C-alpha atoms as a PDB file:
ATOM      1  CA  MET A   1      25.025 -37.549  -8.015  1.00  0.00           C
ATOM      2  CA  LYS A   2      24.062 -37.037  -4.369  1.00  0.00           C
ATOM      3  CA  LYS A   3      26.197 -33.855  -4.263  1.00  0.00           C
ATOM      4  CA  TYR A   4      24.255 -32.331  -7.144  1.00  0.00           C
ATOM      5  CA  LEU A   5      20.927 -33.275  -5.661  1.00  0.00           C
ATOM      6  CA  LEU A   6      21.930 -31.755  -2.314  1.00  0.00           C
ATOM      7  CA  LEU A   7      23.164 -28.617  -4.112  1.00  0.00           C
ATOM      8  CA  LEU A   8      19.850 -28.329  -5.982  1.00  0.00           C
ATOM      9  CA  VAL A   9      17.864 -28.653  -2.732  1.00  0.00           C
ATOM     10  CA  ALA A  10      20.041 -25.980  -1.073  1.00  0.00           C
ATOM     11  CA  ILE A  11      19.558 -23.583  -4.010  1.00  0.00           C
ATOM     12  CA  LEU A  12      15.792 -24.106  -3.985  1.00  0.00           C
ATOM     13  CA  ALA A  13      15.618 -23.529  -0.218  1.00  0.00           C
ATOM     14  CA  LEU A  14      17.658 -20.336  -0.421  1.00  0.00           C
ATOM     15  CA  GLY A  15      15.642 -19.086  -3.393  1.00  0.00           C
ATOM     16  CA  ALA A  16      12.370 -19.702  -1.562  1.00  0.00           C
ATOM     17  CA  GLY A  17      13.706 -17.854   1.487  1.00  0.00           C
ATOM     18  CA  VAL A  18      14.654 -14.831  -0.618  1.00  0.00           C
ATOM     19  CA  TYR A  19      11.295 -14.878  -2.407  1.00  0.00           C
ATOM     20  CA  PHE A  20       9.241 -14.982   0.789  1.00  0.00           C
ATOM     21  CA  SER A  21      11.412 -12.328   2.476  1.00  0.00           C
ATOM     22  CA  GLU A  22      10.834  -9.988  -0.471  1.00  0.00           C
ATOM     23  CA  LEU A  23       7.132 -10.825  -0.475  1.00  0.00           C
ATOM     24  CA  ARG A  24       6.864  -9.954   3.231  1.00  0.00           C
ATOM     25  CA  PHE A  25       8.778  -6.686   2.741  1.00  0.00           C
ATOM     26  CA  LEU A  26       6.625  -5.592  -0.194  1.00  0.00           C
ATOM     27  CA  SER A  27       3.356  -6.487   1.500  1.00  0.00           C
ATOM     28  CA  SER A  28       4.038  -4.298   4.533  1.00  0.00           C
ATOM     29  CA  SER A  29       3.209  -0.920   2.977  1.00  0.00           C
ATOM     30  CA  ARG A  30       4.988   2.309   3.888  1.00  0.00           C
ATOM     31  CA  PRO A  31       3.621   5.860   5.114  1.00  0.00           C
ATOM     32  CA  ASN A  32       3.468  10.039   5.429  1.00  0.00           C
ATOM     33  CA  ALA A  33       3.552  13.600   3.577  1.00  0.00           C
ATOM     34  CA  SER A  34       1.514  16.605   1.989  1.00  0.00           C
ATOM     35  CA  ALA A  35      -1.398  17.161  -0.806  1.00  0.00           C
ATOM     36  CA  THR A  36      -3.291  16.615  -4.367  1.00  0.00           C
ATOM     37  CA  PRO A  37      -4.896  13.647  -6.443  1.00  0.00           C
ATOM     38  CA  VAL A  38      -3.196  11.240  -8.822  1.00  0.00           C
ATOM     39  CA  ALA A  39      -2.577   7.537  -8.464  1.00  0.00           C
ATOM     40  CA  ALA A  40      -0.220   5.212 -10.283  1.00  0.00           C
ATOM     41  CA  GLN A  41      -0.843   1.931 -12.044  1.00  0.00           C
ATOM     42  CA  GLY A  42       2.495   0.213 -12.489  1.00  0.00           C
ATOM     43  CA  ASP A  43       5.004   2.977 -13.190  1.00  0.00           C
ATOM     44  CA  THR A  44       2.529   5.375 -14.817  1.00  0.00           C
ATOM     45  CA  LEU A  45       0.411   7.997 -13.080  1.00  0.00           C
ATOM     46  CA  ALA A  46      -3.307   7.988 -13.800  1.00  0.00           C
ATOM     47  CA  ALA A  47      -6.338   9.636 -12.244  1.00  0.00           C
ATOM     48  CA  ARG A  48      -8.648   7.043 -10.712  1.00  0.00           C
ATOM     49  CA  ASP A  49     -12.365   6.769 -11.434  1.00  0.00           C
ATOM     50  CA  ALA A  50     -14.391   7.506  -8.302  1.00  0.00           C
ATOM     51  CA  THR A  51     -17.406   5.554  -9.521  1.00  0.00           C
ATOM     52  CA  SER A  52     -15.494   2.259  -9.442  1.00  0.00           C
ATOM     53  CA  THR A  53     -14.685   2.483  -5.734  1.00  0.00           C
ATOM     54  CA  LYS A  54     -17.323   4.789  -4.287  1.00  0.00           C
ATOM     55  CA  SER A  55     -20.739   3.551  -3.211  1.00  0.00           C
ATOM     56  CA  ALA A  56     -22.823   3.433  -0.094  1.00  0.00           C
ATOM     57  CA  GLY A  57     -21.049   1.425   2.513  1.00  0.00           C
ATOM     58  CA  VAL A  58     -18.007   1.913   4.684  1.00  0.00           C
ATOM     59  CA  ASN A  59     -16.890   5.205   6.266  1.00  0.00           C
ATOM     60  CA  PHE A  60     -13.164   5.696   6.911  1.00  0.00           C
ATOM     61  CA  THR A  61     -10.593   8.360   7.735  1.00  0.00           C
ATOM     62  CA  LEU A  62      -7.070   8.505   6.379  1.00  0.00           C
ATOM     63  CA  SER A  63      -4.330  10.585   8.021  1.00  0.00           C
ATOM     64  CA  VAL A  64      -1.125  11.632   6.301  1.00  0.00           C
ATOM     65  CA  GLY A  65       1.333  14.148   7.701  1.00  0.00           C
ATOM     66  CA  GLY A  66      -1.217  16.022   9.783  1.00  0.00           C
ATOM     67  CA  GLU A  67      -3.880  16.053   7.045  1.00  0.00           C
ATOM     68  CA  VAL A  68      -7.050  14.052   7.701  1.00  0.00           C
ATOM     69  CA  TYR A  69      -9.270  12.837   4.865  1.00  0.00           C
ATOM     70  CA  SER A  70     -12.700  11.192   5.268  1.00  0.00           C
ATOM     71  CA  ASP A  71     -14.834   9.382   2.722  1.00  0.00           C
ATOM     72  CA  THR A  72     -16.904   6.279   2.042  1.00  0.00           C
ATOM     73  CA  VAL A  73     -16.015   3.145   0.059  1.00  0.00           C
ATOM     74  CA  HIS A  74     -17.977   0.043  -0.886  1.00  0.00           C
ATOM     75  CA  ASP A  75     -18.055  -2.946   1.432  1.00  0.00           C
ATOM     76  CA  GLY A  76     -15.023  -5.160   0.759  1.00  0.00           C
ATOM     77  CA  ALA A  77     -12.846  -2.259  -0.427  1.00  0.00           C
ATOM     78  CA  THR A  78      -9.092  -2.286   0.216  1.00  0.00           C
ATOM     79  CA  VAL A  79      -6.888   0.564   1.448  1.00  0.00           C
ATOM     80  CA  ILE A  80      -5.772   1.119  -2.179  1.00  0.00           C
ATOM     81  CA  ASP A  81      -9.465   1.442  -3.161  1.00  0.00           C
ATOM     82  CA  ALA A  82      -9.933   4.011  -0.389  1.00  0.00           C
ATOM     83  CA  MET A  83      -6.837   5.919  -1.545  1.00  0.00           C
ATOM     84  CA  ASN A  84      -8.144   5.884  -5.137  1.00  0.00           C
ATOM     85  CA  THR A  85     -11.457   7.303  -3.899  1.00  0.00           C
ATOM     86  CA  LEU A  86      -9.628  10.133  -2.144  1.00  0.00           C
ATOM     87  CA  ALA A  87      -7.385  10.719  -5.183  1.00  0.00           C
ATOM     88  CA  SER A  88     -10.418  11.064  -7.439  1.00  0.00           C
ATOM     89  CA  GLY A  89     -11.661  13.882  -5.192  1.00  0.00           C
ATOM     90  CA  GLY A  90      -8.651  16.080  -5.899  1.00  0.00           C
ATOM     91  CA  SER A  91      -7.271  16.690  -2.404  1.00  0.00           C
ATOM     92  CA  PHE A  92      -5.016  13.622  -2.154  1.00  0.00           C
ATOM     93  CA  ARG A  93      -2.470  11.985  -4.456  1.00  0.00           C
ATOM     94  CA  PHE A  94      -0.231   8.944  -4.410  1.00  0.00           C
ATOM     95  CA  THR A  95       1.813   6.739  -6.689  1.00  0.00           C
ATOM     96  CA  SER A  96       2.232   3.013  -6.461  1.00  0.00           C
ATOM     97  CA  LYS A  97       3.731   0.143  -8.370  1.00  0.00           C
ATOM     98  CA  ASP A  98       1.747  -3.032  -8.875  1.00  0.00           C
ATOM     99  CA  PHE A  99       3.643  -6.301  -8.458  1.00  0.00           C
ATOM    100  CA  PRO A 100       1.712  -9.238  -9.968  1.00  0.00           C
ATOM    101  CA  GLY A 101       0.853 -11.803  -7.340  1.00  0.00           C
ATOM    102  CA  ILE A 102       2.021  -9.536  -4.522  1.00  0.00           C
ATOM    103  CA  GLY A 103      -0.013  -6.346  -4.881  1.00  0.00           C
ATOM    104  CA  ALA A 104       0.594  -2.617  -4.848  1.00  0.00           C
ATOM    105  CA  PHE A 105       3.621  -0.986  -3.219  1.00  0.00           C
ATOM    106  CA  VAL A 106       3.030   2.690  -2.339  1.00  0.00           C
ATOM    107  CA  GLU A 107       5.962   4.734  -3.667  1.00  0.00           C
ATOM    108  CA  SER A 108       4.848   8.275  -2.792  1.00  0.00           C
ATOM    109  CA  ILE A 109       2.053  10.137  -1.062  1.00  0.00           C
ATOM    110  CA  ASN A 110       1.283  13.798  -1.736  1.00  0.00           C
ATOM    111  CA  GLY A 111       4.652  14.215  -3.442  1.00  0.00           C
ATOM    112  CA  GLN A 112       6.807  12.599  -0.708  1.00  0.00           C
ATOM    113  CA  ARG A 113       8.667   9.637  -2.228  1.00  0.00           C
ATOM    114  CA  ASN A 114      10.253   6.661  -0.482  1.00  0.00           C
ATOM    115  CA  THR A 115      13.933   7.601  -0.276  1.00  0.00           C
ATOM    116  CA  ASN A 116      17.105   7.192   1.786  1.00  0.00           C
ATOM    117  CA  GLY A 117      15.716   4.223   3.699  1.00  0.00           C
ATOM    118  CA  PHE A 118      12.435   5.960   4.613  1.00  0.00           C
ATOM    119  CA  TYR A 119       9.172   4.405   3.463  1.00  0.00           C
ATOM    120  CA  TRP A 120       5.438   4.908   3.816  1.00  0.00           C
ATOM    121  CA  ILE A 121       4.170   2.509   6.513  1.00  0.00           C
ATOM    122  CA  LEU A 122       0.456   1.726   6.813  1.00  0.00           C
ATOM    123  CA  TYR A 123      -1.233   1.802  10.222  1.00  0.00           C
ATOM    124  CA  VAL A 124      -4.816   0.666  10.751  1.00  0.00           C
ATOM    125  CA  ASN A 125      -6.505   1.831  13.943  1.00  0.00           C
ATOM    126  CA  GLY A 126      -3.119   2.749  15.433  1.00  0.00           C
ATOM    127  CA  THR A 127      -1.402  -0.582  14.684  1.00  0.00           C
ATOM    128  CA  SER A 128       1.111  -1.298  11.919  1.00  0.00           C
ATOM    129  CA  SER A 129      -0.677  -3.325   9.260  1.00  0.00           C
ATOM    130  CA  PRO A 130       0.621  -6.885   8.783  1.00  0.00           C
ATOM    131  CA  THR A 131      -0.574  -6.806   5.141  1.00  0.00           C
ATOM    132  CA  GLY A 132      -0.090  -4.390   2.273  1.00  0.00           C
ATOM    133  CA  ALA A 133      -2.458  -1.669   1.122  1.00  0.00           C
ATOM    134  CA  SER A 134      -3.908  -3.811  -1.667  1.00  0.00           C
ATOM    135  CA  GLN A 135      -4.673  -6.701   0.718  1.00  0.00           C
ATOM    136  CA  THR A 136      -5.889  -4.750   3.766  1.00  0.00           C
ATOM    137  CA  LEU A 137      -9.683  -4.407   3.830  1.00  0.00           C
ATOM    138  CA  VAL A 138     -11.334  -1.234   5.106  1.00  0.00           C
ATOM    139  CA  HIS A 139     -13.961  -1.796   7.788  1.00  0.00           C
ATOM    140  CA  ALA A 140     -16.599   0.648   9.048  1.00  0.00           C
ATOM    141  CA  ASN A 141     -15.069   3.637  10.851  1.00  0.00           C
ATOM    142  CA  ASP A 142     -11.483   2.442  10.347  1.00  0.00           C
ATOM    143  CA  SER A 143      -8.776   4.978  11.012  1.00  0.00           C
ATOM    144  CA  LEU A 144      -6.063   4.557   8.372  1.00  0.00           C
ATOM    145  CA  GLU A 145      -2.737   6.334   8.711  1.00  0.00           C
ATOM    146  CA  TRP A 146       0.400   6.500   6.577  1.00  0.00           C
ATOM    147  CA  ARG A 147       3.603   7.321   8.469  1.00  0.00           C
ATOM    148  CA  TYR A 148       6.904   8.147   6.796  1.00  0.00           C
ATOM    149  CA  GLU A 149       9.387   6.043   8.746  1.00  0.00           C
ATOM    150  CA  LYS A 150      12.853   4.558   8.563  1.00  0.00           C
ATOM    151  CA  GLY A 151      12.694   1.105   6.942  1.00  0.00           C
ATOM    152  CA  TYR A 152      13.787  -2.139   8.482  1.00  0.00           C
END
C-alpha cells in the first residue's frame, strides 16, 4: 500500500511540475514582424471593436520590426487590449490563441508566425516581460515592443 501511495505522490508532483512549466512558458509572450489589422480569439481571426478598449486614459507606443505605433487605451488595459486597439485602426494585425486560466498566447504579428523555434517575445520599457500579454498592464507612456527571437 505504501508503494502505491508513494507512486501517486510522485505522479502528482511530476504533473504539477509539468503544468507550472507550461504555464510559465505560455505566459511569457513572444515578439516581431510587418503590417495590417486583425486579431484572433481562440483559433479564429476577428476584427476587434475599438470602442471596447479605447477611451481617454493611457498613452503607449508599440514597436514591431521597425514599425512604431502609438495610441491610447483605458486605464487598467492590458497589452492585448492595446494590440486590439491598434488592430481596430487598420495598420496593425495579430493572431492569438486564448488558453482558459492562462491567457492569450500571441501566434503571429503582421503576418509573421511563430515557427522553427522563433517566437514573439514581449518587452516593456526595454525589459523582457515576466508576464504574458493578457496579464501585463499598460501604464502611461509605456514603450511596448515585440521581438521575434529564438525560444528557450
